[in-house]
Amino acid sequence: MGFISHKLPFNMICVVSLLLIMSLTLNIVSSNEVVYEDHPGEFDNDVDLDEITTVGSSPSPGSGPAPAPAPGPSSHLPPRNLVAVQGVVYCKPCKYHGVPTLLGATPLSGAVVRLACNNTKYTIREETKTDKNGYFFLQASKRITNYGVHKCKMFLVSSPLNTCNVPTDLHFGLTGSNLIMERKQPPSLATSPVPYTLYSTRGPFAFDPTTCPHA
């Protein structure tokens, strides 16, 4: 009985080995493709990073500190001060009776002026008189501050002279003059224990003469 060899030829062994290696390689590649599909675009060198980051999105861990929020609008309101008002009152001559001018006018002592402030709750009225130079200075009460002074007006009220007591609307003395803040504040008011902000009328007030020969 002849001897039968069960050994495979050497060439056949090489072919089988090569097929096994190719099979393993294909399995590895297939496994890697599955991982890539779980992270689409992660390994795409053409992806623009600016397009990935959207407005309002949270930064990824390790990408650096988050940008600080934009600061809110800051307040630029002036300090709250009390209010003082100044002005001058004149008596006009008969020559310019009814004419809106102060030519020939003289300061009027003892004239009464009124500060009136209106809001939705109440009306504040405060009065003062002029000195010998026709000048008045009124320090308003603590109920009036520069925050609400835009609701206040100054009015011409009365004259101590029977010969010059017709109020005129020069610089809105009758209809009410809005108050204008003085650019240069007196140091005495700014450094007082309770600071005041000084305001003035739109211009001097005036009375017309009561009777004139040719009026």
C-alpha atoms as a PDB file:
ATOM      1  CA  MET A   1       0.000   0.000   0.000  1.00  0.00           C
ATOM      2  CA  GLY A   2       1.358   3.248  -1.107  1.00  0.00           C
ATOM      3  CA  PHE A   3       1.913   6.258   1.244  1.00  0.00           C
ATOM      4  CA  ILE A   4      -0.450   9.274   0.675  1.00  0.00           C
ATOM      5  CA  SER A   5       0.828  12.692   1.859  1.00  0.00           C
ATOM      6  CA  HIS A   6      -1.700  15.011   3.575  1.00  0.00           C
ATOM      7  CA  LYS A   7       0.586  18.028   3.463  1.00  0.00           C
ATOM      8  CA  LEU A   8      -0.490  20.972   1.279  1.00  0.00           C
ATOM      9  CA  PRO A   9       1.909  22.288  -1.297  1.00  0.00           C
ATOM     10  CA  PHE A  10       3.942  25.354  -0.236  1.00  0.00           C
ATOM     11  CA  ASN A  11       2.338  27.550  -2.897  1.00  0.00           C
ATOM     12  CA  MET A  12      -1.124  26.701  -1.668  1.00  0.00           C
ATOM     13  CA  ILE A  13      -0.115  27.653   1.903  1.00  0.00           C
ATOM     14  CA  CYS A  14       1.089  31.082   0.716  1.00  0.00           C
ATOM     15  CA  VAL A  15      -2.144  31.737  -1.117  1.00  0.00           C
ATOM     16  CA  VAL A  16      -4.264  30.804   1.911  1.00  0.00           C
ATOM     17  CA  SER A  17      -2.130  33.000   4.175  1.00  0.00           C
ATOM     18  CA  LEU A  18      -2.486  35.965   1.821  1.00  0.00           C
ATOM     19  CA  LEU A  19      -6.261  35.533   1.722  1.00  0.00           C
ATOM     20  CA  LEU A  20      -6.422  35.482   5.524  1.00  0.00           C
ATOM     21  CA  ILE A  21      -4.368  38.689   5.744  1.00  0.00           C
ATOM     22  CA  MET A  22      -6.610  40.465   3.208  1.00  0.00           C
ATOM     23  CA  SER A  23      -9.719  39.366   5.071  1.00  0.00           C
ATOM     24  CA  LEU A  24      -8.403  40.769   8.366  1.00  0.00           C
ATOM     25  CA  THR A  25      -7.459  44.039   6.672  1.00  0.00           C
ATOM     26  CA  LEU A  26     -10.960  44.447   5.208  1.00  0.00           C
ATOM     27  CA  ASN A  27     -12.533  43.813   8.622  1.00  0.00           C
ATOM     28  CA  ILE A  28     -10.374  46.510  10.224  1.00  0.00           C
ATOM     29  CA  VAL A  29     -11.207  49.065   7.519  1.00  0.00           C
ATOM     30  CA  SER A  30     -14.909  48.266   7.828  1.00  0.00           C
ATOM     31  CA  SER A  31     -14.736  48.717  11.604  1.00  0.00           C
ATOM     32  CA  ASN A  32     -13.061  52.137  11.222  1.00  0.00           C
ATOM     33  CA  GLU A  33     -15.711  53.308   8.775  1.00  0.00           C
ATOM     34  CA  VAL A  34     -18.426  52.668  11.361  1.00  0.00           C
ATOM     35  CA  VAL A  35     -16.595  54.862  13.893  1.00  0.00           C
ATOM     36  CA  TYR A  36     -16.330  57.698  11.375  1.00  0.00           C
ATOM     37  CA  GLU A  37     -20.058  57.586  10.683  1.00  0.00           C
ATOM     38  CA  ASP A  38     -20.726  58.244  14.373  1.00  0.00           C
ATOM     39  CA  HIS A  39     -18.849  61.594  14.054  1.00  0.00           C
ATOM     40  CA  PRO A  40     -19.682  63.085  10.674  1.00  0.00           C
ATOM     41  CA  GLY A  41     -17.318  65.826   9.583  1.00  0.00           C
ATOM     42  CA  GLU A  42     -14.977  65.314  12.526  1.00  0.00           C
ATOM     43  CA  PHE A  43     -12.126  64.311  10.344  1.00  0.00           C
ATOM     44  CA  ASP A  44     -12.979  66.447   7.330  1.00  0.00           C
ATOM     45  CA  ASN A  45     -10.108  68.845   6.715  1.00  0.00           C
ATOM     46  CA  ASP A  46     -12.358  71.071   4.556  1.00  0.00           C
ATOM     47  CA  VAL A  47     -14.711  71.971   7.415  1.00  0.00           C
ATOM     48  CA  ASP A  48     -14.587  75.698   8.321  1.00  0.00           C
ATOM     49  CA  LEU A  49     -14.359  76.060  12.079  1.00  0.00           C
ATOM     50  CA  ASP A  50     -16.032  79.498  11.899  1.00  0.00           C
ATOM     51  CA  GLU A  51     -19.090  77.884  10.373  1.00  0.00           C
ATOM     52  CA  ILE A  52     -19.289  75.285  13.136  1.00  0.00           C
ATOM     53  CA  THR A  53     -19.377  77.892  15.954  1.00  0.00           C
ATOM     54  CA  THR A  54     -22.785  79.563  16.019  1.00  0.00           C
ATOM     55  CA  VAL A  55     -23.836  82.736  17.803  1.00  0.00           C
ATOM     56  CA  GLY A  56     -24.929  82.073  21.356  1.00  0.00           C
ATOM     57  CA  SER A  57     -23.514  78.544  21.483  1.00  0.00           C
ATOM     58  CA  SER A  58     -21.546  77.433  24.501  1.00  0.00           C
ATOM     59  CA  PRO A  59     -17.816  76.968  23.987  1.00  0.00           C
ATOM     60  CA  SER A  60     -16.532  73.415  23.997  1.00  0.00           C
ATOM     61  CA  PRO A  61     -14.497  72.256  27.006  1.00  0.00           C
ATOM     62  CA  GLY A  62     -10.870  73.285  26.803  1.00  0.00           C
ATOM     63  CA  SER A  63     -11.508  76.021  24.182  1.00  0.00           C
ATOM     64  CA  GLY A  64     -10.670  78.816  26.612  1.00  0.00           C
ATOM     65  CA  PRO A  65     -12.728  81.050  28.920  1.00  0.00           C
ATOM     66  CA  ALA A  66     -16.154  82.206  27.781  1.00  0.00           C
ATOM     67  CA  PRO A  67     -16.321  85.833  26.571  1.00  0.00           C
ATOM     68  CA  ALA A  68     -17.489  88.317  29.201  1.00  0.00           C
ATOM     69  CA  PRO A  69     -21.059  89.604  28.732  1.00  0.00           C
ATOM     70  CA  ALA A  70     -21.446  93.075  27.283  1.00  0.00           C
ATOM     71  CA  PRO A  71     -21.761  95.692  30.039  1.00  0.00           C
ATOM     72  CA  GLY A  72     -25.168  97.288  30.474  1.00  0.00           C
ATOM     73  CA  PRO A  73     -25.818 100.991  29.932  1.00  0.00           C
ATOM     74  CA  SER A  74     -24.201 103.049  32.661  1.00  0.00           C
ATOM     75  CA  SER A  75     -26.021 105.802  34.428  1.00  0.00           C
ATOM     76  CA  HIS A  76     -24.934 109.396  33.767  1.00  0.00           C
ATOM     77  CA  LEU A  77     -27.514 111.158  35.927  1.00  0.00           C
ATOM     78  CA  PRO A  78     -26.241 114.220  37.818  1.00  0.00           C
ATOM     79  CA  PRO A  79     -26.351 114.208  41.610  1.00  0.00           C
ATOM     80  CA  ARG A  80     -29.691 115.172  43.128  1.00  0.00           C
ATOM     81  CA  ASN A  81     -29.522 118.789  44.361  1.00  0.00           C
ATOM     82  CA  LEU A  82     -31.994 121.320  45.622  1.00  0.00           C
ATOM     83  CA  VAL A  83     -32.990 124.252  43.419  1.00  0.00           C
ATOM     84  CA  ALA A  84     -32.338 127.996  43.625  1.00  0.00           C
ATOM     85  CA  VAL A  85     -33.727 130.528  41.120  1.00  0.00           C
ATOM     86  CA  GLN A  86     -32.529 134.053  40.350  1.00  0.00           C
ATOM     87  CA  GLY A  87     -33.711 136.909  38.163  1.00  0.00           C
ATOM     88  CA  VAL A  88     -34.344 140.636  37.866  1.00  0.00           C
ATOM     89  CA  VAL A  89     -37.524 142.747  37.658  1.00  0.00           C
ATOM     90  CA  TYR A  90     -37.753 146.195  36.056  1.00  0.00           C
ATOM     91  CA  CYS A  91     -40.204 149.057  35.700  1.00  0.00           C
ATOM     92  CA  LYS A  92     -40.448 150.344  32.138  1.00  0.00           C
ATOM     93  CA  PRO A  93     -40.790 154.045  31.239  1.00  0.00           C
ATOM     94  CA  CYS A  94     -43.872 155.471  29.561  1.00  0.00           C
ATOM     95  CA  LYS A  95     -41.853 156.011  26.375  1.00  0.00           C
ATOM     96  CA  TYR A  96     -41.784 152.250  25.776  1.00  0.00           C
ATOM     97  CA  HIS A  97     -45.160 151.350  27.228  1.00  0.00           C
ATOM     98  CA  GLY A  98     -46.383 148.172  25.512  1.00  0.00           C
ATOM     99  CA  VAL A  99     -43.085 147.693  23.679  1.00  0.00           C
ATOM    100  CA  PRO A 100     -41.116 144.504  24.481  1.00  0.00           C
ATOM    101  CA  THR A 101     -37.889 146.239  25.457  1.00  0.00           C
ATOM    102  CA  LEU A 102     -36.010 147.253  28.563  1.00  0.00           C
ATOM    103  CA  LEU A 103     -34.668 150.521  27.186  1.00  0.00           C
ATOM    104  CA  GLY A 104     -34.874 153.179  29.899  1.00  0.00           C
ATOM    105  CA  ALA A 105     -36.176 150.641  32.455  1.00  0.00           C
ATOM    106  CA  THR A 106     -35.219 150.892  36.142  1.00  0.00           C
ATOM    107  CA  PRO A 107     -34.832 148.100  38.713  1.00  0.00           C
ATOM    108  CA  LEU A 108     -37.975 147.555  40.781  1.00  0.00           C
ATOM    109  CA  SER A 109     -37.573 146.900  44.501  1.00  0.00           C
ATOM    110  CA  GLY A 110     -40.159 144.865  46.390  1.00  0.00           C
ATOM    111  CA  ALA A 111     -41.686 143.157  43.340  1.00  0.00           C
ATOM    112  CA  VAL A 112     -43.161 139.722  43.998  1.00  0.00           C
ATOM    113  CA  VAL A 113     -42.321 136.699  41.842  1.00  0.00           C
ATOM    114  CA  ARG A 114     -43.595 133.131  42.132  1.00  0.00           C
ATOM    115  CA  LEU A 115     -42.111 129.709  41.477  1.00  0.00           C
ATOM    116  CA  ALA A 116     -44.796 127.202  40.464  1.00  0.00           C
ATOM    117  CA  CYS A 117     -44.082 123.503  40.014  1.00  0.00           C
ATOM    118  CA  ASN A 118     -46.731 121.055  38.801  1.00  0.00           C
ATOM    119  CA  ASN A 119     -46.794 117.289  38.787  1.00  0.00           C
ATOM    120  CA  THR A 120     -49.444 114.587  38.878  1.00  0.00           C
ATOM    121  CA  LYS A 121     -49.801 114.713  42.678  1.00  0.00           C
ATOM    122  CA  TYR A 122     -49.683 118.351  43.785  1.00  0.00           C
ATOM    123  CA  THR A 123     -48.717 121.920  42.888  1.00  0.00           C
ATOM    124  CA  ILE A 124     -45.936 123.754  44.708  1.00  0.00           C
ATOM    125  CA  ARG A 125     -45.974 127.550  44.859  1.00  0.00           C
ATOM    126  CA  GLU A 126     -43.272 129.613  46.504  1.00  0.00           C
ATOM    127  CA  GLU A 127     -42.771 133.388  46.377  1.00  0.00           C
ATOM    128  CA  THR A 128     -40.051 135.917  47.085  1.00  0.00           C
ATOM    129  CA  LYS A 129     -39.385 139.662  46.619  1.00  0.00           C
ATOM    130  CA  THR A 130     -36.747 141.653  44.796  1.00  0.00           C
ATOM    131  CA  ASP A 131     -34.117 143.716  46.563  1.00  0.00           C
ATOM    132  CA  LYS A 132     -33.200 147.355  45.892  1.00  0.00           C
ATOM    133  CA  ASN A 133     -31.470 146.317  42.669  1.00  0.00           C
ATOM    134  CA  GLY A 134     -34.553 144.503  41.394  1.00  0.00           C
ATOM    135  CA  TYR A 135     -32.757 141.189  41.932  1.00  0.00           C
ATOM    136  CA  PHE A 136     -34.469 138.160  43.429  1.00  0.00           C
ATOM    137  CA  PHE A 137     -32.998 134.922  44.713  1.00  0.00           C
ATOM    138  CA  LEU A 138     -35.277 132.086  45.754  1.00  0.00           C
ATOM    139  CA  GLN A 139     -34.049 128.926  47.434  1.00  0.00           C
ATOM    140  CA  ALA A 140     -36.831 126.435  46.824  1.00  0.00           C
ATOM    141  CA  SER A 141     -37.994 124.008  49.482  1.00  0.00           C
ATOM    142  CA  LYS A 142     -36.681 120.467  49.775  1.00  0.00           C
ATOM    143  CA  ARG A 143     -39.685 119.213  47.829  1.00  0.00           C
ATOM    144  CA  ILE A 144     -38.109 120.563  44.626  1.00  0.00           C
ATOM    145  CA  THR A 145     -34.895 119.115  43.175  1.00  0.00           C
ATOM    146  CA  ASN A 146     -33.072 119.333  39.874  1.00  0.00           C
ATOM    147  CA  TYR A 147     -34.710 116.012  38.901  1.00  0.00           C
ATOM    148  CA  GLY A 148     -38.143 117.667  38.712  1.00  0.00           C
ATOM    149  CA  VAL A 149     -37.240 121.272  37.929  1.00  0.00           C
ATOM    150  CA  HIS A 150     -38.378 120.845  34.315  1.00  0.00           C
ATOM    151  CA  LYS A 151     -41.934 120.991  35.693  1.00  0.00           C
ATOM    152  CA  CYS A 152     -41.321 124.400  37.278  1.00  0.00           C
ATOM    153  CA  LYS A 153     -41.855 127.927  35.912  1.00  0.00           C
ATOM    154  CA  MET A 154     -41.283 131.427  37.269  1.00  0.00           C
ATOM    155  CA  PHE A 155     -44.031 134.065  37.147  1.00  0.00           C
ATOM    156  CA  LEU A 156     -44.299 137.804  37.683  1.00  0.00           C
ATOM    157  CA  VAL A 157     -46.895 138.475  40.415  1.00  0.00           C
ATOM    158  CA  SER A 158     -47.160 142.056  41.697  1.00  0.00           C
ATOM    159  CA  SER A 159     -45.465 145.439  42.027  1.00  0.00           C
ATOM    160  CA  PRO A 160     -45.287 147.659  45.121  1.00  0.00           C
ATOM    161  CA  LEU A 161     -45.708 150.803  42.992  1.00  0.00           C
ATOM    162  CA  ASN A 162     -49.154 152.029  42.038  1.00  0.00           C
ATOM    163  CA  THR A 163     -47.580 153.935  39.174  1.00  0.00           C
ATOM    164  CA  CYS A 164     -45.906 150.846  37.670  1.00  0.00           C
ATOM    165  CA  ASN A 165     -47.926 147.724  38.300  1.00  0.00           C
ATOM    166  CA  VAL A 166     -49.035 146.376  34.917  1.00  0.00           C
ATOM    167  CA  PRO A 167     -47.264 143.011  34.465  1.00  0.00           C
ATOM    168  CA  THR A 168     -45.942 142.259  30.983  1.00  0.00           C
ATOM    169  CA  ASP A 169     -45.141 138.964  29.304  1.00  0.00           C
ATOM    170  CA  LEU A 170     -41.593 140.051  28.549  1.00  0.00           C
ATOM    171  CA  HIS A 171     -39.476 136.878  28.780  1.00  0.00           C
ATOM    172  CA  PHE A 172     -42.673 134.988  29.664  1.00  0.00           C
ATOM    173  CA  GLY A 173     -43.268 136.826  32.932  1.00  0.00           C
ATOM    174  CA  LEU A 174     -47.042 136.218  32.676  1.00  0.00           C
ATOM    175  CA  THR A 175     -47.261 132.852  30.921  1.00  0.00           C
ATOM    176  CA  GLY A 176     -44.377 131.409  32.917  1.00  0.00           C
ATOM    177  CA  SER A 177     -40.659 131.302  32.188  1.00  0.00           C
ATOM    178  CA  ASN A 178     -38.900 127.968  31.995  1.00  0.00           C
ATOM    179  CA  LEU A 179     -35.765 127.738  34.111  1.00  0.00           C
ATOM    180  CA  ILE A 180     -32.293 127.614  32.610  1.00  0.00           C
ATOM    181  CA  MET A 181     -29.431 126.102  34.583  1.00  0.00           C
ATOM    182  CA  GLU A 182     -26.467 128.417  35.013  1.00  0.00           C
ATOM    183  CA  ARG A 183     -23.291 127.036  33.477  1.00  0.00           C
ATOM    184  CA  LYS A 184     -21.149 128.618  36.185  1.00  0.00           C
ATOM    185  CA  GLN A 185     -22.423 127.627  39.597  1.00  0.00           C
ATOM    186  CA  PRO A 186     -21.626 129.868  42.612  1.00  0.00           C
ATOM    187  CA  PRO A 187     -19.136 128.144  44.937  1.00  0.00           C
ATOM    188  CA  SER A 188     -21.248 129.112  47.941  1.00  0.00           C
ATOM    189  CA  LEU A 189     -24.143 126.984  46.651  1.00  0.00           C
ATOM    190  CA  ALA A 190     -22.025 124.070  45.482  1.00  0.00           C
ATOM    191  CA  THR A 191     -20.178 123.766  48.813  1.00  0.00           C
ATOM    192  CA  SER A 192     -23.132 124.456  51.095  1.00  0.00           C
ATOM    193  CA  PRO A 193     -24.185 121.685  53.536  1.00  0.00           C
ATOM    194  CA  VAL A 194     -27.167 121.024  51.285  1.00  0.00           C
ATOM    195  CA  PRO A 195     -25.985 121.646  47.691  1.00  0.00           C
ATOM    196  CA  TYR A 196     -28.162 123.755  45.396  1.00  0.00           C
ATOM    197  CA  THR A 197     -28.215 124.022  41.607  1.00  0.00           C
ATOM    198  CA  LEU A 198     -28.739 127.578  40.403  1.00  0.00           C
ATOM    199  CA  TYR A 199     -31.265 128.386  37.656  1.00  0.00           C
ATOM    200  CA  SER A 200     -32.313 131.638  35.994  1.00  0.00           C
ATOM    201  CA  THR A 201     -35.370 132.863  34.112  1.00  0.00           C
ATOM    202  CA  ARG A 202     -35.171 133.347  30.357  1.00  0.00           C
ATOM    203  CA  GLY A 203     -34.571 137.033  30.926  1.00  0.00           C
ATOM    204  CA  PRO A 204     -35.557 139.956  33.144  1.00  0.00           C
ATOM    205  CA  PHE A 205     -39.239 140.525  33.934  1.00  0.00           C
ATOM    206  CA  ALA A 206     -40.869 143.938  33.633  1.00  0.00           C
ATOM    207  CA  PHE A 207     -43.926 145.994  34.620  1.00  0.00           C
ATOM    208  CA  ASP A 208     -45.475 148.659  32.436  1.00  0.00           C
ATOM    209  CA  PRO A 209     -46.421 152.033  33.910  1.00  0.00           C
ATOM    210  CA  THR A 210     -50.018 152.225  35.150  1.00  0.00           C
ATOM    211  CA  THR A 211     -50.832 155.519  33.389  1.00  0.00           C
ATOM    212  CA  CYS A 212     -48.932 157.436  30.770  1.00  0.00           C
ATOM    213  CA  PRO A 213     -49.798 160.776  29.108  1.00  0.00           C
ATOM    214  CA  HIS A 214     -49.640 159.311  25.617  1.00  0.00           C
ATOM    215  CA  ALA A 215     -50.254 155.631  26.315  1.00  0.00           C
END
